Amino acid sequence: MMLREIITPKKRSVTVQLPEEMVGKTVEVIAFEIETAKKEPSRAQRLRRIEALTKSSLVDLSGFSFDRDEANDYDG
């Protein structure tokens, strides 16, 4: 079993209430500062970033045509 609590302490001493299943067992208590959550980028911001990353890889296929019969002509 795992217990996770994110708190903002108002003083140096904090009391943690453990679930009954943890009583009598060896547990580890870890305290570290976490960064405030960064705001998720909007959909438009993500799309602009993707476009910027892939812009150099784009290929113009507007003049491309695919001929299935020609592609499957193994005799020719």
N, C-alpha and C. Protein backbone atom coordinates (compact mmCIF):
# COMPACT_ATOMS: atom_id res chain seq x y z
N MET A 1 0.83 -1.18 0.00
CA MET A 1 0.00 0.00 0.00
C MET A 1 0.88 1.24 0.00
N MET A 2 0.40 2.28 -0.63
CA MET A 2 1.15 3.53 -0.69
C MET A 2 0.25 4.67 -0.24
N LEU A 3 0.82 5.61 0.46
CA LEU A 3 0.10 6.80 0.89
C LEU A 3 0.89 7.99 0.36
N ARG A 4 0.20 8.88 -0.33
CA ARG A 4 0.87 10.07 -0.84
C ARG A 4 0.00 11.27 -0.51
N GLU A 5 0.61 12.26 0.11
CA GLU A 5 -0.08 13.50 0.43
C GLU A 5 0.80 14.65 0.00
N ILE A 6 0.21 15.63 -0.65
CA ILE A 6 0.93 16.85 -1.00
C ILE A 6 0.34 17.94 -0.11
N ILE A 7 1.19 18.53 0.71
CA ILE A 7 0.73 19.53 1.66
C ILE A 7 1.59 20.78 1.57
N THR A 8 1.09 21.86 2.09
CA THR A 8 1.86 23.09 2.27
C THR A 8 1.90 23.35 3.77
N PRO A 9 2.99 22.95 4.43
CA PRO A 9 3.03 23.07 5.88
C PRO A 9 3.06 24.54 6.33
N LYS A 10 2.43 24.81 7.46
CA LYS A 10 2.40 26.15 8.04
C LYS A 10 3.43 26.29 9.16
N LYS A 11 4.03 25.15 9.56
CA LYS A 11 5.06 25.15 10.60
C LYS A 11 6.03 24.01 10.31
N ARG A 12 7.08 23.90 11.11
CA ARG A 12 8.13 22.91 10.86
C ARG A 12 7.71 21.49 11.24
N SER A 13 6.74 21.33 12.09
CA SER A 13 6.32 20.02 12.55
C SER A 13 5.03 19.61 11.83
N VAL A 14 5.05 18.39 11.29
CA VAL A 14 3.89 17.87 10.57
C VAL A 14 3.58 16.47 11.11
N THR A 15 2.31 16.19 11.32
CA THR A 15 1.87 14.87 11.76
C THR A 15 1.17 14.17 10.59
N VAL A 16 1.56 12.93 10.34
CA VAL A 16 0.98 12.16 9.25
C VAL A 16 0.17 11.02 9.85
N GLN A 17 -1.09 10.92 9.45
CA GLN A 17 -1.95 9.82 9.89
C GLN A 17 -1.80 8.68 8.88
N LEU A 18 -1.31 7.55 9.35
CA LEU A 18 -1.12 6.39 8.48
C LEU A 18 -2.36 5.51 8.48
N PRO A 19 -2.62 4.83 7.35
CA PRO A 19 -3.73 3.87 7.32
C PRO A 19 -3.43 2.70 8.27
N GLU A 20 -4.47 2.09 8.77
CA GLU A 20 -4.33 0.97 9.72
C GLU A 20 -3.46 -0.15 9.15
N GLU A 21 -3.52 -0.36 7.82
CA GLU A 21 -2.73 -1.44 7.19
C GLU A 21 -1.23 -1.22 7.33
N MET A 22 -0.78 0.00 7.59
CA MET A 22 0.65 0.28 7.71
C MET A 22 1.16 0.18 9.14
N VAL A 23 0.29 0.11 10.10
CA VAL A 23 0.70 0.04 11.50
C VAL A 23 1.47 -1.26 11.72
N GLY A 24 2.65 -1.15 12.34
CA GLY A 24 3.49 -2.31 12.62
C GLY A 24 4.42 -2.68 11.48
N LYS A 25 4.32 -2.00 10.35
CA LYS A 25 5.19 -2.27 9.21
C LYS A 25 6.26 -1.20 9.11
N THR A 26 7.35 -1.53 8.43
CA THR A 26 8.40 -0.56 8.19
C THR A 26 7.98 0.32 7.02
N VAL A 27 7.94 1.63 7.24
CA VAL A 27 7.53 2.57 6.20
C VAL A 27 8.63 3.61 6.01
N GLU A 28 8.65 4.21 4.87
CA GLU A 28 9.62 5.26 4.56
C GLU A 28 8.85 6.57 4.41
N VAL A 29 9.34 7.60 5.06
CA VAL A 29 8.75 8.93 4.96
C VAL A 29 9.75 9.83 4.25
N ILE A 30 9.34 10.43 3.16
CA ILE A 30 10.21 11.29 2.36
C ILE A 30 9.56 12.66 2.25
N ALA A 31 10.34 13.70 2.45
CA ALA A 31 9.83 15.06 2.28
C ALA A 31 10.77 15.82 1.35
N PHE A 32 10.22 16.37 0.29
CA PHE A 32 11.02 17.19 -0.61
C PHE A 32 10.12 18.25 -1.22
N GLU A 33 10.73 19.34 -1.62
CA GLU A 33 9.97 20.43 -2.21
C GLU A 33 9.64 20.09 -3.66
N ILE A 34 8.40 20.35 -4.06
CA ILE A 34 8.02 20.14 -5.45
C ILE A 34 7.78 21.49 -6.10
N GLU A 35 8.12 21.55 -7.38
CA GLU A 35 7.89 22.78 -8.13
C GLU A 35 6.40 22.94 -8.37
N THR A 36 5.97 24.17 -8.45
CA THR A 36 4.57 24.39 -8.78
C THR A 36 4.33 23.89 -10.19
N ALA A 37 3.19 23.33 -10.39
CA ALA A 37 2.86 22.74 -11.70
C ALA A 37 2.90 23.81 -12.78
N LYS A 38 3.56 23.49 -13.86
CA LYS A 38 3.61 24.40 -14.99
C LYS A 38 2.30 24.32 -15.75
N LYS A 39 1.87 25.44 -16.25
CA LYS A 39 0.63 25.47 -17.01
C LYS A 39 0.85 24.72 -18.32
N GLU A 40 -0.07 23.83 -18.63
CA GLU A 40 0.00 23.08 -19.87
C GLU A 40 -0.17 24.02 -21.07
N PRO A 41 0.62 23.84 -22.11
CA PRO A 41 0.44 24.68 -23.30
C PRO A 41 -0.90 24.40 -23.96
N SER A 42 -1.44 25.42 -24.60
CA SER A 42 -2.72 25.25 -25.28
C SER A 42 -2.52 24.37 -26.51
N ARG A 43 -3.63 23.93 -27.08
CA ARG A 43 -3.57 23.09 -28.28
C ARG A 43 -2.89 23.85 -29.41
N ALA A 44 -3.22 25.14 -29.55
CA ALA A 44 -2.61 25.95 -30.61
C ALA A 44 -1.10 26.09 -30.40
N GLN A 45 -0.66 26.25 -29.15
CA GLN A 45 0.77 26.34 -28.87
C GLN A 45 1.47 25.03 -29.20
N ARG A 46 0.84 23.90 -28.87
CA ARG A 46 1.45 22.60 -29.19
C ARG A 46 1.55 22.40 -30.69
N LEU A 47 0.50 22.79 -31.44
CA LEU A 47 0.53 22.65 -32.90
C LEU A 47 1.62 23.52 -33.51
N ARG A 48 1.78 24.75 -33.02
CA ARG A 48 2.84 25.63 -33.54
C ARG A 48 4.22 25.03 -33.28
N ARG A 49 4.40 24.42 -32.10
CA ARG A 49 5.68 23.81 -31.78
C ARG A 49 5.95 22.61 -32.70
N ILE A 50 4.93 21.79 -32.93
CA ILE A 50 5.07 20.64 -33.83
C ILE A 50 5.40 21.11 -35.24
N GLU A 51 4.70 22.14 -35.71
CA GLU A 51 4.97 22.67 -37.05
C GLU A 51 6.41 23.18 -37.16
N ALA A 52 6.89 23.86 -36.13
CA ALA A 52 8.26 24.37 -36.14
C ALA A 52 9.28 23.23 -36.19
N LEU A 53 8.99 22.15 -35.46
CA LEU A 53 9.91 21.01 -35.43
C LEU A 53 9.93 20.23 -36.73
N THR A 54 8.80 20.17 -37.44
CA THR A 54 8.70 19.33 -38.64
C THR A 54 8.79 20.11 -39.94
N LYS A 55 8.87 21.44 -39.86
CA LYS A 55 8.85 22.27 -41.07
C LYS A 55 9.93 21.88 -42.07
N SER A 56 11.13 21.61 -41.59
CA SER A 56 12.24 21.28 -42.49
C SER A 56 12.10 19.90 -43.12
N SER A 57 11.20 19.07 -42.60
CA SER A 57 11.03 17.71 -43.11
C SER A 57 9.86 17.58 -44.08
N LEU A 58 9.14 18.64 -44.30
CA LEU A 58 7.96 18.57 -45.16
C LEU A 58 8.36 18.38 -46.62
N VAL A 59 7.58 17.58 -47.34
CA VAL A 59 7.82 17.31 -48.75
C VAL A 59 6.54 17.64 -49.50
N ASP A 60 6.67 18.36 -50.59
CA ASP A 60 5.50 18.72 -51.41
C ASP A 60 5.15 17.55 -52.31
N LEU A 61 4.02 16.92 -52.04
CA LEU A 61 3.57 15.78 -52.83
C LEU A 61 2.37 16.15 -53.70
N SER A 62 2.15 17.44 -53.93
CA SER A 62 0.97 17.86 -54.68
C SER A 62 1.01 17.37 -56.13
N GLY A 63 2.20 17.16 -56.70
CA GLY A 63 2.30 16.69 -58.07
C GLY A 63 2.47 15.18 -58.18
N PHE A 64 2.41 14.48 -57.09
CA PHE A 64 2.63 13.03 -57.07
C PHE A 64 1.36 12.29 -57.44
N SER A 65 1.50 11.28 -58.27
CA SER A 65 0.36 10.42 -58.57
C SER A 65 0.83 8.98 -58.44
N PHE A 66 -0.06 8.13 -57.98
CA PHE A 66 0.27 6.73 -57.76
C PHE A 66 -0.53 5.87 -58.72
N ASP A 67 0.17 5.05 -59.48
CA ASP A 67 -0.47 4.15 -60.42
C ASP A 67 -0.30 2.73 -59.89
N ARG A 68 -1.38 2.18 -59.35
CA ARG A 68 -1.32 0.86 -58.73
C ARG A 68 -0.91 -0.21 -59.74
N ASP A 69 -1.43 -0.13 -60.97
CA ASP A 69 -1.08 -1.14 -61.99
C ASP A 69 0.40 -1.08 -62.31
N GLU A 70 0.95 0.13 -62.41
CA GLU A 70 2.38 0.26 -62.70
C GLU A 70 3.22 -0.25 -61.54
N ALA A 71 2.79 0.00 -60.32
CA ALA A 71 3.53 -0.45 -59.15
C ALA A 71 3.53 -1.97 -59.02
N ASN A 72 2.47 -2.62 -59.49
CA ASN A 72 2.37 -4.06 -59.39
C ASN A 72 2.78 -4.79 -60.66
N ASP A 73 3.32 -4.06 -61.63
CA ASP A 73 3.76 -4.67 -62.89
C ASP A 73 5.16 -5.21 -62.69
N TYR A 74 5.27 -6.51 -62.32
CA TYR A 74 6.56 -7.11 -62.06
C TYR A 74 7.25 -7.61 -63.34
N ASP A 75 6.51 -7.67 -64.43
CA ASP A 75 7.09 -8.18 -65.67
C ASP A 75 7.85 -7.11 -66.42
N GLY A 76 7.49 -5.87 -66.19
CA GLY A 76 7.98 -4.80 -67.00
C GLY A 76 9.31 -4.32 -66.72
